[in-house]
């Protein structure tokens, strides 16, 4: 497996405070990796550092083998698609045109799509179940539908690595599970790094989880191995456990 993203002994400091401390991580083709931890654990800072949006204070990060801060915006976009928390959703443009923005790194525009761009947009709309909405305006659809449209935009970018900050926030359970299925399917052609507060969803979706607290790694590994009661309590300060219910993992805190 080839590494799409590598952190080596990486630390990040923001406003005189260490938000990531001595973290090492490889993200390889075929993997879905979930970042878990309480608010302020460093999940967003880690993803932003992966894209060169915040500098490391110590250590090294490589995106496709290069320092992301040395890459042009277009070069970064061809290596990683980023979906931040609560992306802009009130533009009065159609869902289809928003998804088409994912082709910008290839020199395309929503009104100037080559056949390969059109194919990428159509495939992303289909996999995110947006066909009935493709002509609807973004400022006229629900919050969950907006989230799926922005995910489709990231998919249309066809970068090897997807970096998604809480992509299921605000979604109902059925929509969240549908997004989880999309992420697992995406691992067939690249890799996914995503953050979430839903421990059960992370356990269901990810091949590996990285459990953080105050910028430090509490546990890493396959979900059932890493998310032990001891690790969950160390991260969240509450006792918790994973259970299998009819073959699916659920998480309980008490």
Protein backbone atom coordinates (compact mmCIF):
# COMPACT_ATOMS: atom_id res chain seq x y z
CA UNK A 1 0.00 0.00 0.00
CA UNK A 2 1.23 3.50 -0.80
CA UNK A 3 0.88 6.31 1.76
CA UNK A 4 -1.26 9.24 0.65
CA UNK A 5 -0.66 11.12 3.89
CA UNK A 6 2.06 10.78 6.53
CA UNK A 7 2.58 12.53 9.83
CA UNK A 8 5.88 11.93 11.64
CA UNK A 9 6.19 13.08 15.27
CA UNK A 10 3.98 16.05 14.37
CA UNK A 11 3.00 18.84 16.75
CA UNK A 12 0.86 21.91 16.12
CA UNK A 13 0.64 25.01 18.29
CA UNK A 14 -2.10 27.63 17.90
CA UNK A 15 -2.38 30.77 20.02
CA UNK A 16 0.47 29.61 22.26
CA UNK A 17 -1.32 26.33 22.96
CA UNK A 18 -0.30 22.85 21.78
CA UNK A 19 -3.25 21.31 19.94
CA UNK A 20 -1.42 18.31 18.42
CA UNK A 21 1.45 16.71 20.31
CA UNK A 22 3.94 14.23 18.86
CA UNK A 23 1.53 12.42 16.54
CA UNK A 24 2.53 9.94 13.85
CA UNK A 25 0.08 8.56 11.31
CA UNK A 26 0.10 6.95 7.87
CA UNK A 27 -2.99 6.96 5.63
CA UNK A 28 -2.73 4.42 2.82
CA UNK A 29 -4.78 3.65 -0.27
CA UNK A 30 -7.78 1.50 0.65
CA UNK A 31 -8.17 2.81 4.19
CA UNK A 32 -10.95 4.66 5.98
CA UNK A 33 -9.61 6.25 9.17
CA UNK A 34 -11.86 7.94 11.74
CA UNK A 35 -10.70 10.64 14.15
CA UNK A 36 -12.53 10.50 17.46
CA UNK A 37 -12.32 12.50 20.65
CA UNK A 38 -14.08 15.20 22.66
CA UNK A 39 -14.37 18.83 21.57
CA UNK A 40 -10.92 20.40 21.55
CA UNK A 41 -9.15 17.07 21.08
CA UNK A 42 -7.35 18.32 17.95
CA UNK A 43 -9.29 16.56 15.21
CA UNK A 44 -9.85 19.62 13.02
CA UNK A 45 -6.32 20.92 13.60
CA UNK A 46 -4.91 17.57 12.49
CA UNK A 47 -6.89 17.65 9.24
CA UNK A 48 -5.97 21.26 8.54
CA UNK A 49 -2.30 20.45 9.14
CA UNK A 50 -2.59 17.57 6.68
CA UNK A 51 -3.55 20.09 4.00
CA UNK A 52 -0.94 22.68 4.93
CA UNK A 53 -3.56 25.10 6.23
CA UNK A 54 -1.79 25.35 9.59
CA UNK A 55 1.96 24.87 10.09
CA UNK A 56 3.62 22.23 12.21
CA UNK A 57 5.69 23.44 15.12
CA UNK A 58 7.59 20.13 15.26
CA UNK A 59 7.81 17.10 13.00
CA UNK A 60 6.84 16.45 9.43
CA UNK A 61 3.74 16.02 7.27
CA UNK A 62 3.74 14.71 3.71
CA UNK A 63 0.75 14.82 1.36
CA UNK A 64 1.42 12.47 -1.54
CA UNK A 65 5.10 12.58 -0.63
CA UNK A 66 5.45 16.38 -0.47
CA UNK A 67 5.14 19.10 2.14
CA UNK A 68 1.59 20.39 1.58
CA UNK A 69 2.64 23.97 2.35
CA UNK A 70 5.02 23.84 -0.62
CA UNK A 71 2.24 22.82 -3.01
CA UNK A 72 0.06 25.22 -4.98
CA UNK A 73 -3.69 25.20 -4.21
CA UNK A 74 -4.30 23.29 -7.45
CA UNK A 75 -1.62 20.70 -6.62
CA UNK A 76 -3.16 20.17 -3.19
CA UNK A 77 -6.64 19.86 -4.70
CA UNK A 78 -5.44 17.12 -7.02
CA UNK A 79 -4.14 15.16 -4.03
CA UNK A 80 -6.82 15.77 -1.39
CA UNK A 81 -10.44 16.92 -1.31
CA UNK A 82 -11.38 18.74 1.89
CA UNK A 83 -14.85 19.14 3.34
CA UNK A 84 -14.76 21.43 6.40
CA UNK A 85 -17.37 21.64 9.13
CA UNK A 86 -20.49 23.54 8.11
CA UNK A 87 -19.42 24.50 4.57
CA UNK A 88 -21.09 27.47 2.88
CA UNK A 89 -24.58 26.34 1.87
CA UNK A 90 -26.66 29.39 1.04
CA UNK A 91 -25.45 30.11 -2.48
CA UNK A 92 -28.40 30.44 -4.88
CA UNK A 93 -26.95 27.90 -7.31
CA UNK A 94 -28.24 24.47 -8.25
CA UNK A 95 -27.03 21.28 -6.58
CA UNK A 96 -25.55 20.20 -9.90
CA UNK A 97 -23.54 23.40 -10.27
CA UNK A 98 -22.24 23.12 -6.71
CA UNK A 99 -21.07 19.54 -7.34
CA UNK A 100 -19.42 20.70 -10.57
CA UNK A 101 -17.21 23.06 -8.55
CA UNK A 102 -15.31 19.93 -7.59
CA UNK A 103 -13.84 19.94 -11.10
CA UNK A 104 -12.25 23.38 -10.74
CA UNK A 105 -8.77 21.91 -10.16
CA UNK A 106 -8.97 20.32 -13.62
CA UNK A 107 -9.64 23.65 -15.31
CA UNK A 108 -13.37 23.04 -15.60
CA UNK A 109 -16.24 25.36 -14.65
CA UNK A 110 -19.90 24.47 -14.05
CA UNK A 111 -20.82 25.81 -17.49
CA UNK A 112 -17.74 24.36 -19.20
CA UNK A 113 -17.47 20.64 -18.45
CA UNK A 114 -15.53 18.23 -20.62
CA UNK A 115 -16.94 14.70 -20.96
CA UNK A 116 -14.74 13.38 -18.13
CA UNK A 117 -15.85 16.26 -15.88
CA UNK A 118 -19.51 15.57 -16.65
CA UNK A 119 -18.99 11.88 -15.89
CA UNK A 120 -17.39 12.70 -12.51
CA UNK A 121 -20.24 15.07 -11.58
CA UNK A 122 -22.92 12.58 -12.62
CA UNK A 123 -21.26 9.75 -10.70
CA UNK A 124 -20.97 11.86 -7.52
CA UNK A 125 -24.61 12.94 -7.75
CA UNK A 126 -25.68 9.34 -8.19
CA UNK A 127 -23.65 7.90 -5.31
CA UNK A 128 -24.97 10.60 -2.95
CA UNK A 129 -28.58 9.94 -4.03
CA UNK A 130 -29.05 13.50 -5.30
CA UNK A 131 -30.62 12.80 -8.70
CA UNK A 132 -34.05 14.18 -7.72
CA UNK A 133 -32.38 17.34 -6.38
CA UNK A 134 -29.81 18.13 -9.04
CA UNK A 135 -31.77 21.10 -10.43
CA UNK A 136 -32.86 22.43 -7.01
CA UNK A 137 -31.18 25.51 -5.57
CA UNK A 138 -28.85 25.07 -2.61
CA UNK A 139 -30.72 27.71 -0.59
CA UNK A 140 -33.98 25.80 -1.04
CA UNK A 141 -33.04 22.34 0.23
CA UNK A 142 -32.74 20.88 3.73
CA UNK A 143 -29.61 20.86 5.87
CA UNK A 144 -29.09 17.15 5.35
CA UNK A 145 -29.47 17.54 1.60
CA UNK A 146 -26.93 20.37 1.63
CA UNK A 147 -24.47 18.10 3.46
CA UNK A 148 -24.88 15.40 0.82
CA UNK A 149 -24.40 17.95 -1.96
CA UNK A 150 -21.12 19.16 -0.45
CA UNK A 151 -19.97 15.55 -0.05
CA UNK A 152 -20.79 15.00 -3.73
CA UNK A 153 -18.69 18.06 -4.62
CA UNK A 154 -15.74 16.54 -2.75
CA UNK A 155 -16.26 13.19 -4.50
CA UNK A 156 -16.42 14.87 -7.91
CA UNK A 157 -12.94 16.25 -7.25
CA UNK A 158 -11.64 12.66 -7.63
CA UNK A 159 -8.62 13.30 -5.42
CA UNK A 160 -6.97 10.18 -3.99
CA UNK A 161 -7.56 11.36 -0.39
CA UNK A 162 -10.82 12.60 1.09
CA UNK A 163 -10.48 14.70 4.28
CA UNK A 164 -13.90 15.24 5.86
CA UNK A 165 -14.57 17.16 9.07
CA UNK A 166 -17.73 15.74 10.70
CA UNK A 167 -19.45 14.81 7.42
CA UNK A 168 -22.46 13.28 9.21
CA UNK A 169 -23.10 16.14 11.66
CA UNK A 170 -26.79 17.07 11.67
CA UNK A 171 -27.86 14.09 9.58
CA UNK A 172 -30.60 11.71 10.64
CA UNK A 173 -29.53 8.09 11.31
CA UNK A 174 -30.53 6.82 7.86
CA UNK A 175 -28.62 9.60 6.08
CA UNK A 176 -25.60 9.14 8.34
CA UNK A 177 -25.48 5.43 7.52
CA UNK A 178 -25.81 6.24 3.82
CA UNK A 179 -22.81 8.58 4.06
CA UNK A 180 -20.90 5.85 5.91
CA UNK A 181 -21.58 3.49 3.01
CA UNK A 182 -20.30 6.11 0.56
CA UNK A 183 -17.09 6.49 2.55
CA UNK A 184 -16.49 2.74 2.65
CA UNK A 185 -17.08 2.54 -1.10
CA UNK A 186 -14.63 5.39 -1.71
CA UNK A 187 -11.83 3.39 -0.09
CA UNK A 188 -11.79 1.16 -3.15
CA UNK A 189 -10.07 3.88 -5.16
CA UNK A 190 -8.35 6.02 -2.53
CA UNK A 191 -8.48 6.74 1.19
CA UNK A 192 -10.69 8.65 3.62
CA UNK A 193 -9.77 10.53 6.78
CA UNK A 194 -12.83 11.81 8.63
CA UNK A 195 -13.76 13.12 12.06
CA UNK A 196 -16.91 12.38 13.98
CA UNK A 197 -18.46 12.46 17.44
CA UNK A 198 -20.44 9.31 16.66
CA UNK A 199 -18.37 6.49 18.15
CA UNK A 200 -20.66 3.76 16.82
CA UNK A 201 -20.62 5.20 13.30
CA UNK A 202 -16.83 5.39 13.37
CA UNK A 203 -16.63 1.78 14.53
CA UNK A 204 -19.01 0.70 11.78
CA UNK A 205 -17.27 2.66 9.02
CA UNK A 206 -13.54 2.88 9.68
CA UNK A 207 -10.81 0.33 9.20
CA UNK A 208 -8.83 2.21 11.85
CA UNK A 209 -9.69 4.80 14.48
CA UNK A 210 -7.48 7.40 16.10
CA UNK A 211 -8.80 8.38 19.52
CA UNK A 212 -7.52 11.79 20.64
CA UNK A 213 -7.61 13.87 23.79
CA UNK A 214 -5.91 17.27 24.14
CA UNK A 215 -3.92 16.66 20.98
CA UNK A 216 -2.48 13.33 22.07
CA UNK A 217 -3.28 9.86 20.79
CA UNK A 218 -5.10 7.80 23.42
CA UNK A 219 -5.59 4.73 21.22
CA UNK A 220 -5.16 3.71 17.59
CA UNK A 221 -6.12 0.59 15.68
CA UNK A 222 -9.06 -1.43 14.46
CA UNK A 223 -12.22 -0.14 16.17
CA UNK A 224 -12.97 -3.12 18.39
CA UNK A 225 -9.34 -3.37 19.48
CA UNK A 226 -8.76 0.35 20.06
CA UNK A 227 -12.09 1.47 21.53
CA UNK A 228 -11.80 -0.39 24.80
CA UNK A 229 -13.66 0.78 27.92
CA UNK A 230 -10.36 2.04 29.31
CA UNK A 231 -9.53 4.04 26.17
CA UNK A 232 -13.01 5.53 25.93
CA UNK A 233 -12.88 6.64 29.56
CA UNK A 234 -9.39 8.10 29.08
CA UNK A 235 -10.59 10.14 26.08
CA UNK A 236 -14.07 11.21 27.17
CA UNK A 237 -13.90 11.03 30.95
CA UNK A 238 -16.93 8.72 30.97
CA UNK A 239 -17.14 4.96 31.09
CA UNK A 240 -18.16 3.45 27.77
CA UNK A 241 -18.11 0.29 25.73
CA UNK A 242 -18.72 -1.13 22.27
CA UNK A 243 -21.27 -3.89 21.85
CA UNK A 244 -22.46 -5.93 18.89
CA UNK A 245 -26.22 -5.90 18.40
CA UNK A 246 -27.45 -8.11 15.57
CA UNK A 247 -24.03 -7.90 13.95
CA UNK A 248 -23.74 -4.08 14.14
CA UNK A 249 -21.56 -2.17 16.59
CA UNK A 250 -23.17 0.22 19.06
CA UNK A 251 -21.58 2.45 21.67
CA UNK A 252 -22.87 3.04 25.20
CA UNK A 253 -21.64 5.64 27.69
CA UNK A 254 -22.71 5.64 31.32
